[in-house]
Amino acid sequence: MVAGGRRWHSVVVRNLVALDIHARAEFVNRLRRIWDDGDAVLPVDLAGPRRHVESILHSMAPSAVIDAGGDRVRLEGGIPVEDGDAVVITTSGTTGTPKGVIHTHDSMAAASRITAEATRTTPDSHWLACLPLAHIGGFSVITRALHAQAGLTVTDG
């Protein structure tokens, strides 16, 4: 944008938004909205103890949390993410404090494409997401189905 002969650049801050909701269709709807806004998602494992969830939220520093009631709560001190970041999956923390692993939209699309080719997934296929969505194995089921425009059922186990 040019104003008064000076070039002004708009800076877009991408947020990390934690999804603290159960695995069901609403999770996918919220995920899509977060991505449509250009933000990245931090899926929270609701099976863990609440103090572990709080520890993850503290260490990963999302800008907002969407809770089970669907409310979006803004958090102070959120760390912005890079343009193109899709999801932050926390590690199991077996060697200490869990760490966040960033997956980009490009890397998730590539993994989904490779899996779709290997499994011959088509839009007529149907995926069942029954693994924890806070783990890459469970989360990837969603991205595979979305990428292939296949059917998807999301359930808590």
N, C-alpha and C. Protein backbone atom coordinates (compact mmCIF):
# COMPACT_ATOMS: atom_id res chain seq x y z
N MET A 1 0.86 -1.16 0.00
CA MET A 1 0.00 0.00 0.00
C MET A 1 0.91 1.22 0.00
N VAL A 2 0.54 2.21 -0.77
CA VAL A 2 1.32 3.45 -0.83
C VAL A 2 0.48 4.57 -0.26
N ALA A 3 1.02 5.29 0.70
CA ALA A 3 0.31 6.42 1.31
C ALA A 3 1.29 7.56 1.46
N GLY A 4 0.98 8.71 0.86
CA GLY A 4 1.85 9.88 0.99
C GLY A 4 3.24 9.63 0.45
N GLY A 5 3.35 8.79 -0.59
CA GLY A 5 4.64 8.54 -1.20
C GLY A 5 5.50 7.53 -0.44
N ARG A 6 5.02 6.97 0.65
CA ARG A 6 5.77 5.97 1.42
C ARG A 6 5.12 4.61 1.27
N ARG A 7 5.93 3.60 1.22
CA ARG A 7 5.39 2.24 1.12
C ARG A 7 5.19 1.69 2.53
N TRP A 8 3.99 1.24 2.79
CA TRP A 8 3.63 0.64 4.08
C TRP A 8 3.40 -0.84 3.86
N HIS A 9 3.99 -1.63 4.67
CA HIS A 9 3.80 -3.09 4.59
C HIS A 9 2.92 -3.53 5.75
N SER A 10 1.94 -4.32 5.43
CA SER A 10 1.13 -4.86 6.51
C SER A 10 1.79 -6.15 7.00
N VAL A 11 1.84 -6.30 8.29
CA VAL A 11 2.41 -7.49 8.91
C VAL A 11 1.27 -8.33 9.42
N VAL A 12 1.22 -9.57 8.98
CA VAL A 12 0.18 -10.49 9.43
C VAL A 12 0.80 -11.41 10.46
N VAL A 13 0.24 -11.41 11.64
CA VAL A 13 0.71 -12.28 12.71
C VAL A 13 -0.14 -13.55 12.69
N ARG A 14 0.52 -14.67 12.55
CA ARG A 14 -0.16 -15.96 12.56
C ARG A 14 -0.14 -16.49 14.00
N ASN A 15 -1.28 -16.97 14.45
CA ASN A 15 -1.42 -17.42 15.83
C ASN A 15 -1.42 -18.94 15.92
N LEU A 16 -1.02 -19.43 17.07
CA LEU A 16 -1.17 -20.83 17.42
C LEU A 16 -2.42 -20.92 18.29
N VAL A 17 -3.38 -21.73 17.85
CA VAL A 17 -4.65 -21.87 18.56
C VAL A 17 -4.77 -23.31 19.05
N ALA A 18 -4.90 -23.47 20.36
CA ALA A 18 -5.05 -24.80 20.95
C ALA A 18 -6.49 -25.26 20.82
N LEU A 19 -6.66 -26.51 20.41
CA LEU A 19 -7.99 -27.13 20.35
C LEU A 19 -8.09 -28.09 21.53
N ASP A 20 -8.79 -27.66 22.56
CA ASP A 20 -8.97 -28.42 23.79
C ASP A 20 -10.38 -29.00 23.78
N ILE A 21 -10.68 -29.77 22.72
CA ILE A 21 -12.01 -30.35 22.55
C ILE A 21 -11.90 -31.83 22.19
N HIS A 22 -12.98 -32.55 22.39
CA HIS A 22 -13.00 -33.98 22.12
C HIS A 22 -12.96 -34.27 20.62
N ALA A 23 -12.48 -35.46 20.31
CA ALA A 23 -12.41 -35.91 18.92
C ALA A 23 -13.82 -36.22 18.42
N ARG A 24 -14.27 -35.37 17.52
CA ARG A 24 -15.56 -35.56 16.86
C ARG A 24 -15.60 -34.60 15.67
N ALA A 25 -16.69 -34.55 14.97
CA ALA A 25 -16.79 -33.72 13.78
C ALA A 25 -16.50 -32.25 14.09
N GLU A 26 -16.87 -31.78 15.28
CA GLU A 26 -16.63 -30.39 15.65
C GLU A 26 -15.14 -30.06 15.66
N PHE A 27 -14.31 -31.03 16.01
CA PHE A 27 -12.86 -30.83 15.98
C PHE A 27 -12.42 -30.45 14.57
N VAL A 28 -12.91 -31.19 13.58
CA VAL A 28 -12.54 -30.94 12.18
C VAL A 28 -13.08 -29.59 11.73
N ASN A 29 -14.30 -29.25 12.11
CA ASN A 29 -14.87 -27.95 11.74
C ASN A 29 -14.03 -26.80 12.31
N ARG A 30 -13.64 -26.92 13.57
CA ARG A 30 -12.82 -25.89 14.21
C ARG A 30 -11.44 -25.82 13.56
N LEU A 31 -10.87 -26.97 13.27
CA LEU A 31 -9.58 -27.05 12.60
C LEU A 31 -9.62 -26.29 11.28
N ARG A 32 -10.64 -26.55 10.49
CA ARG A 32 -10.77 -25.86 9.19
C ARG A 32 -10.89 -24.35 9.36
N ARG A 33 -11.65 -23.91 10.36
CA ARG A 33 -11.78 -22.46 10.60
C ARG A 33 -10.45 -21.83 11.01
N ILE A 34 -9.71 -22.53 11.84
CA ILE A 34 -8.40 -22.03 12.26
C ILE A 34 -7.49 -21.90 11.04
N TRP A 35 -7.46 -22.92 10.22
CA TRP A 35 -6.63 -22.87 9.01
C TRP A 35 -7.12 -21.80 8.04
N ASP A 36 -8.43 -21.65 7.90
CA ASP A 36 -8.97 -20.61 7.02
C ASP A 36 -8.54 -19.22 7.48
N ASP A 37 -8.34 -19.05 8.79
CA ASP A 37 -7.88 -17.77 9.34
C ASP A 37 -6.38 -17.58 9.17
N GLY A 38 -5.69 -18.62 8.66
CA GLY A 38 -4.25 -18.53 8.46
C GLY A 38 -3.44 -18.90 9.68
N ASP A 39 -4.09 -19.44 10.70
CA ASP A 39 -3.41 -19.78 11.94
C ASP A 39 -3.04 -21.27 11.96
N ALA A 40 -2.25 -21.65 12.95
CA ALA A 40 -1.85 -23.05 13.16
C ALA A 40 -2.59 -23.58 14.38
N VAL A 41 -2.67 -24.89 14.48
CA VAL A 41 -3.43 -25.52 15.56
C VAL A 41 -2.51 -26.34 16.45
N LEU A 42 -2.84 -26.36 17.72
CA LEU A 42 -2.18 -27.20 18.72
C LEU A 42 -3.25 -28.12 19.30
N PRO A 43 -3.34 -29.37 18.81
CA PRO A 43 -4.33 -30.28 19.39
C PRO A 43 -3.91 -30.69 20.80
N VAL A 44 -4.87 -30.68 21.71
CA VAL A 44 -4.60 -31.01 23.10
C VAL A 44 -5.15 -32.41 23.39
N ASP A 45 -4.35 -33.22 24.07
CA ASP A 45 -4.75 -34.58 24.42
C ASP A 45 -5.59 -34.56 25.69
N LEU A 46 -6.88 -34.71 25.52
CA LEU A 46 -7.78 -34.65 26.67
C LEU A 46 -7.71 -35.88 27.56
N ALA A 47 -7.03 -36.93 27.09
CA ALA A 47 -6.91 -38.14 27.90
C ALA A 47 -5.89 -37.98 29.02
N GLY A 48 -5.01 -37.01 28.89
CA GLY A 48 -3.98 -36.80 29.90
C GLY A 48 -4.52 -36.07 31.11
N PRO A 49 -3.75 -36.09 32.19
CA PRO A 49 -4.16 -35.34 33.38
C PRO A 49 -4.23 -33.84 33.07
N ARG A 50 -5.14 -33.14 33.72
CA ARG A 50 -5.34 -31.71 33.43
C ARG A 50 -4.07 -30.90 33.69
N ARG A 51 -3.29 -31.28 34.69
CA ARG A 51 -2.05 -30.53 34.97
C ARG A 51 -1.06 -30.70 33.81
N HIS A 52 -1.09 -31.85 33.13
CA HIS A 52 -0.23 -32.06 31.96
C HIS A 52 -0.69 -31.16 30.81
N VAL A 53 -2.00 -31.07 30.63
CA VAL A 53 -2.56 -30.18 29.60
C VAL A 53 -2.15 -28.74 29.88
N GLU A 54 -2.27 -28.31 31.13
CA GLU A 54 -1.88 -26.95 31.50
C GLU A 54 -0.40 -26.72 31.25
N SER A 55 0.43 -27.72 31.51
CA SER A 55 1.87 -27.63 31.27
C SER A 55 2.14 -27.46 29.77
N ILE A 56 1.43 -28.21 28.94
CA ILE A 56 1.59 -28.10 27.48
C ILE A 56 1.19 -26.71 27.03
N LEU A 57 0.05 -26.22 27.52
CA LEU A 57 -0.40 -24.88 27.13
C LEU A 57 0.61 -23.82 27.55
N HIS A 58 1.19 -23.99 28.73
CA HIS A 58 2.18 -23.03 29.20
C HIS A 58 3.44 -23.07 28.33
N SER A 59 3.94 -24.26 28.04
CA SER A 59 5.20 -24.35 27.30
C SER A 59 5.05 -24.06 25.81
N MET A 60 3.91 -24.37 25.21
CA MET A 60 3.71 -24.13 23.78
C MET A 60 3.22 -22.71 23.50
N ALA A 61 2.67 -22.04 24.50
CA ALA A 61 2.24 -20.64 24.44
C ALA A 61 1.33 -20.31 23.25
N PRO A 62 0.17 -20.98 23.16
CA PRO A 62 -0.77 -20.58 22.10
C PRO A 62 -1.36 -19.20 22.41
N SER A 63 -1.88 -18.55 21.37
CA SER A 63 -2.50 -17.23 21.54
C SER A 63 -3.94 -17.35 22.00
N ALA A 64 -4.52 -18.53 21.80
CA ALA A 64 -5.92 -18.75 22.18
C ALA A 64 -6.15 -20.24 22.39
N VAL A 65 -7.21 -20.54 23.13
CA VAL A 65 -7.65 -21.92 23.35
C VAL A 65 -9.13 -21.98 23.01
N ILE A 66 -9.50 -22.99 22.24
CA ILE A 66 -10.92 -23.26 22.02
C ILE A 66 -11.25 -24.46 22.89
N ASP A 67 -12.19 -24.25 23.83
CA ASP A 67 -12.49 -25.30 24.81
C ASP A 67 -13.69 -26.14 24.39
N ALA A 68 -14.02 -27.11 25.22
CA ALA A 68 -15.09 -28.06 24.93
C ALA A 68 -16.44 -27.38 24.70
N GLY A 69 -16.64 -26.22 25.30
CA GLY A 69 -17.88 -25.48 25.09
C GLY A 69 -17.89 -24.68 23.80
N GLY A 70 -16.76 -24.70 23.07
CA GLY A 70 -16.67 -23.96 21.82
C GLY A 70 -16.23 -22.53 21.99
N ASP A 71 -15.93 -22.14 23.25
CA ASP A 71 -15.49 -20.77 23.50
C ASP A 71 -14.02 -20.59 23.12
N ARG A 72 -13.72 -19.47 22.49
CA ARG A 72 -12.34 -19.14 22.15
C ARG A 72 -11.84 -18.15 23.19
N VAL A 73 -10.85 -18.59 23.97
CA VAL A 73 -10.30 -17.78 25.05
C VAL A 73 -8.93 -17.28 24.62
N ARG A 74 -8.76 -15.96 24.58
CA ARG A 74 -7.47 -15.36 24.23
C ARG A 74 -6.51 -15.52 25.40
N LEU A 75 -5.25 -15.79 25.11
CA LEU A 75 -4.23 -15.94 26.12
C LEU A 75 -3.15 -14.88 25.91
N GLU A 76 -2.61 -14.38 26.99
CA GLU A 76 -1.53 -13.40 26.94
C GLU A 76 -0.22 -14.11 26.63
N GLY A 77 0.66 -13.43 25.91
CA GLY A 77 2.00 -13.95 25.68
C GLY A 77 2.11 -15.06 24.65
N GLY A 78 1.11 -15.19 23.79
CA GLY A 78 1.16 -16.22 22.76
C GLY A 78 2.32 -16.01 21.81
N ILE A 79 2.97 -17.09 21.43
CA ILE A 79 4.09 -17.02 20.51
C ILE A 79 3.55 -17.17 19.09
N PRO A 80 3.83 -16.22 18.19
CA PRO A 80 3.33 -16.34 16.82
C PRO A 80 4.00 -17.49 16.08
N VAL A 81 3.32 -17.97 15.05
CA VAL A 81 3.87 -19.03 14.20
C VAL A 81 4.19 -18.44 12.84
N GLU A 82 4.92 -19.19 12.04
CA GLU A 82 5.33 -18.75 10.71
C GLU A 82 4.18 -18.96 9.71
N ASP A 83 4.19 -18.16 8.67
CA ASP A 83 3.24 -18.35 7.58
C ASP A 83 3.47 -19.75 6.99
N GLY A 84 2.42 -20.51 6.83
CA GLY A 84 2.53 -21.87 6.29
C GLY A 84 2.53 -22.95 7.35
N ASP A 85 2.73 -22.58 8.63
CA ASP A 85 2.67 -23.59 9.69
C ASP A 85 1.23 -24.06 9.85
N ALA A 86 1.04 -25.36 9.96
CA ALA A 86 -0.29 -25.93 10.05
C ALA A 86 -0.63 -26.44 11.45
N VAL A 87 0.30 -27.19 12.04
CA VAL A 87 0.00 -27.85 13.31
C VAL A 87 1.28 -27.98 14.13
N VAL A 88 1.12 -27.88 15.44
CA VAL A 88 2.20 -28.18 16.37
C VAL A 88 1.75 -29.39 17.16
N ILE A 89 2.52 -30.46 17.03
CA ILE A 89 2.24 -31.70 17.77
C ILE A 89 3.30 -31.82 18.85
N THR A 90 2.87 -32.05 20.08
CA THR A 90 3.84 -32.19 21.16
C THR A 90 4.37 -33.62 21.20
N THR A 91 5.65 -33.72 21.55
CA THR A 91 6.27 -35.03 21.69
C THR A 91 5.80 -35.66 23.00
N SER A 92 6.12 -36.91 23.19
CA SER A 92 5.67 -37.61 24.39
C SER A 92 6.41 -37.14 25.64
N GLY A 93 7.55 -36.52 25.48
CA GLY A 93 8.29 -36.02 26.64
C GLY A 93 9.01 -37.10 27.41
N THR A 94 9.32 -38.22 26.75
CA THR A 94 9.96 -39.33 27.45
C THR A 94 11.37 -39.00 27.94
N THR A 95 12.00 -38.00 27.32
CA THR A 95 13.35 -37.62 27.76
C THR A 95 13.34 -36.28 28.51
N GLY A 96 12.19 -35.87 28.97
CA GLY A 96 12.07 -34.60 29.69
C GLY A 96 10.77 -33.92 29.33
N THR A 97 10.79 -32.60 29.22
CA THR A 97 9.61 -31.81 28.91
C THR A 97 9.21 -32.02 27.45
N PRO A 98 7.91 -32.24 27.19
CA PRO A 98 7.48 -32.36 25.79
C PRO A 98 7.86 -31.13 24.99
N LYS A 99 8.18 -31.36 23.72
CA LYS A 99 8.55 -30.28 22.81
C LYS A 99 7.54 -30.23 21.68
N GLY A 100 7.39 -29.06 21.08
CA GLY A 100 6.46 -28.91 19.97
C GLY A 100 7.16 -29.15 18.64
N VAL A 101 6.57 -30.01 17.82
CA VAL A 101 7.09 -30.27 16.48
C VAL A 101 6.14 -29.59 15.50
N ILE A 102 6.69 -28.69 14.70
CA ILE A 102 5.88 -27.93 13.75
C ILE A 102 5.82 -28.67 12.42
N HIS A 103 4.60 -28.83 11.93
CA HIS A 103 4.37 -29.40 10.61
C HIS A 103 3.71 -28.32 9.76
N THR A 104 4.21 -28.13 8.56
CA THR A 104 3.66 -27.13 7.67
C THR A 104 2.52 -27.71 6.84
N HIS A 105 1.76 -26.82 6.21
CA HIS A 105 0.72 -27.28 5.30
C HIS A 105 1.34 -28.09 4.17
N ASP A 106 2.50 -27.65 3.67
CA ASP A 106 3.16 -28.37 2.59
C ASP A 106 3.58 -29.77 3.01
N SER A 107 4.14 -29.91 4.22
CA SER A 107 4.58 -31.23 4.66
C SER A 107 3.39 -32.15 4.93
N MET A 108 2.32 -31.60 5.48
CA MET A 108 1.13 -32.42 5.73
C MET A 108 0.50 -32.86 4.40
N ALA A 109 0.47 -31.95 3.41
CA ALA A 109 -0.09 -32.29 2.10
C ALA A 109 0.76 -33.37 1.42
N ALA A 110 2.09 -33.25 1.52
CA ALA A 110 2.96 -34.25 0.91
C ALA A 110 2.75 -35.62 1.55
N ALA A 111 2.69 -35.66 2.87
CA ALA A 111 2.47 -36.93 3.57
C ALA A 111 1.10 -37.51 3.20
N SER A 112 0.10 -36.65 3.10
CA SER A 112 -1.25 -37.11 2.74
C SER A 112 -1.28 -37.65 1.32
N ARG A 113 -0.60 -36.97 0.42
CA ARG A 113 -0.56 -37.41 -0.98
C ARG A 113 0.13 -38.78 -1.10
N ILE A 114 1.25 -38.94 -0.41
CA ILE A 114 1.99 -40.21 -0.45
C ILE A 114 1.13 -41.34 0.10
N THR A 115 0.46 -41.08 1.22
CA THR A 115 -0.39 -42.10 1.83
C THR A 115 -1.59 -42.42 0.93
N ALA A 116 -2.18 -41.40 0.33
CA ALA A 116 -3.33 -41.62 -0.57
C ALA A 116 -2.92 -42.50 -1.75
N GLU A 117 -1.73 -42.25 -2.29
CA GLU A 117 -1.26 -43.08 -3.40
C GLU A 117 -1.00 -44.51 -2.94
N ALA A 118 -0.36 -44.67 -1.79
CA ALA A 118 -0.03 -46.00 -1.30
C ALA A 118 -1.27 -46.82 -0.94
N THR A 119 -2.29 -46.14 -0.43
CA THR A 119 -3.51 -46.85 0.00
C THR A 119 -4.62 -46.79 -1.04
N ARG A 120 -4.31 -46.12 -2.16
CA ARG A 120 -5.30 -45.95 -3.24
C ARG A 120 -6.58 -45.28 -2.75
N THR A 121 -6.38 -44.26 -1.93
CA THR A 121 -7.50 -43.49 -1.40
C THR A 121 -8.11 -42.63 -2.49
N THR A 122 -9.42 -42.64 -2.57
CA THR A 122 -10.17 -41.82 -3.53
C THR A 122 -11.25 -41.06 -2.77
N PRO A 123 -11.95 -40.15 -3.43
CA PRO A 123 -13.08 -39.49 -2.76
C PRO A 123 -14.17 -40.46 -2.31
N ASP A 124 -14.18 -41.67 -2.84
CA ASP A 124 -15.14 -42.70 -2.41
C ASP A 124 -14.68 -43.45 -1.16
N SER A 125 -13.43 -43.23 -0.76
CA SER A 125 -12.89 -43.91 0.43
C SER A 125 -13.44 -43.25 1.69
N HIS A 126 -13.23 -43.95 2.81
CA HIS A 126 -13.66 -43.41 4.10
C HIS A 126 -12.59 -43.71 5.14
N TRP A 127 -12.17 -42.68 5.87
CA TRP A 127 -11.17 -42.82 6.92
C TRP A 127 -11.86 -42.77 8.29
N LEU A 128 -11.30 -43.54 9.23
CA LEU A 128 -11.78 -43.54 10.62
C LEU A 128 -10.66 -42.98 11.49
N ALA A 129 -10.90 -41.82 12.09
CA ALA A 129 -9.93 -41.22 13.01
C ALA A 129 -10.32 -41.62 14.43
N CYS A 130 -9.65 -42.65 14.93
CA CYS A 130 -9.96 -43.15 16.28
C CYS A 130 -8.74 -43.14 17.19
N LEU A 131 -7.61 -42.67 16.67
CA LEU A 131 -6.40 -42.50 17.47
C LEU A 131 -6.42 -41.10 18.08
N PRO A 132 -5.68 -40.86 19.14
CA PRO A 132 -5.65 -39.51 19.74
C PRO A 132 -5.22 -38.46 18.71
N LEU A 133 -6.00 -37.39 18.60
CA LEU A 133 -5.74 -36.35 17.61
C LEU A 133 -4.57 -35.44 17.99
N ALA A 134 -4.11 -35.54 19.23
CA ALA A 134 -2.95 -34.76 19.65
C ALA A 134 -1.64 -35.45 19.26
N HIS A 135 -1.74 -36.62 18.67
CA HIS A 135 -0.58 -37.37 18.19
C HIS A 135 -0.60 -37.34 16.66
N ILE A 136 0.56 -37.35 16.06
CA ILE A 136 0.62 -37.21 14.61
C ILE A 136 -0.11 -38.33 13.88
N GLY A 137 -0.11 -39.53 14.43
CA GLY A 137 -0.81 -40.64 13.80
C GLY A 137 -2.30 -40.39 13.71
N GLY A 138 -2.90 -39.91 14.77
CA GLY A 138 -4.33 -39.61 14.75
C GLY A 138 -4.66 -38.37 13.94
N PHE A 139 -3.86 -37.32 14.12
CA PHE A 139 -4.10 -36.08 13.39
C PHE A 139 -3.97 -36.28 11.89
N SER A 140 -3.01 -37.11 11.48
CA SER A 140 -2.78 -37.35 10.06
C SER A 140 -3.96 -38.00 9.37
N VAL A 141 -4.74 -38.75 10.10
CA VAL A 141 -5.93 -39.37 9.49
C VAL A 141 -6.86 -38.27 8.97
N ILE A 142 -7.00 -37.21 9.76
CA ILE A 142 -7.85 -36.09 9.33
C ILE A 142 -7.30 -35.44 8.07
N THR A 143 -6.00 -35.14 8.07
CA THR A 143 -5.43 -34.46 6.91
C THR A 143 -5.47 -35.35 5.67
N ARG A 144 -5.32 -36.66 5.84
CA ARG A 144 -5.41 -37.58 4.69
C ARG A 144 -6.80 -37.54 4.08
N ALA A 145 -7.81 -37.59 4.92
CA ALA A 145 -9.19 -37.56 4.42
C ALA A 145 -9.50 -36.23 3.76
N LEU A 146 -9.08 -35.13 4.39
CA LEU A 146 -9.34 -33.81 3.81
C LEU A 146 -8.61 -33.65 2.47
N HIS A 147 -7.37 -34.10 2.41
CA HIS A 147 -6.58 -33.98 1.19
C HIS A 147 -7.21 -34.76 0.04
N ALA A 148 -7.68 -35.95 0.33
CA ALA A 148 -8.26 -36.81 -0.72
C ALA A 148 -9.75 -36.54 -0.94
N GLN A 149 -10.31 -35.64 -0.14
CA GLN A 149 -11.74 -35.36 -0.18
C GLN A 149 -12.55 -36.63 0.05
N ALA A 150 -12.01 -37.47 0.93
CA ALA A 150 -12.64 -38.74 1.28
C ALA A 150 -13.57 -38.55 2.48
N GLY A 151 -14.38 -39.54 2.74
CA GLY A 151 -15.22 -39.51 3.92
C GLY A 151 -14.38 -39.60 5.18
N LEU A 152 -14.92 -39.11 6.28
CA LEU A 152 -14.18 -39.11 7.54
C LEU A 152 -15.14 -39.25 8.70
N THR A 153 -14.83 -40.18 9.60
CA THR A 153 -15.53 -40.31 10.87
C THR A 153 -14.49 -40.09 11.96
N VAL A 154 -14.80 -39.17 12.89
CA VAL A 154 -13.89 -38.87 13.99
C VAL A 154 -14.56 -39.29 15.28
N THR A 155 -13.83 -40.09 16.08
CA THR A 155 -14.40 -40.58 17.34
C THR A 155 -13.31 -40.68 18.41
N ASP A 156 -13.73 -40.63 19.65
CA ASP A 156 -12.80 -40.79 20.79
C ASP A 156 -12.56 -42.26 21.06
N GLY A 157 -11.81 -42.92 20.21
CA GLY A 157 -11.42 -44.31 20.46
C GLY A 157 -12.35 -45.34 19.88
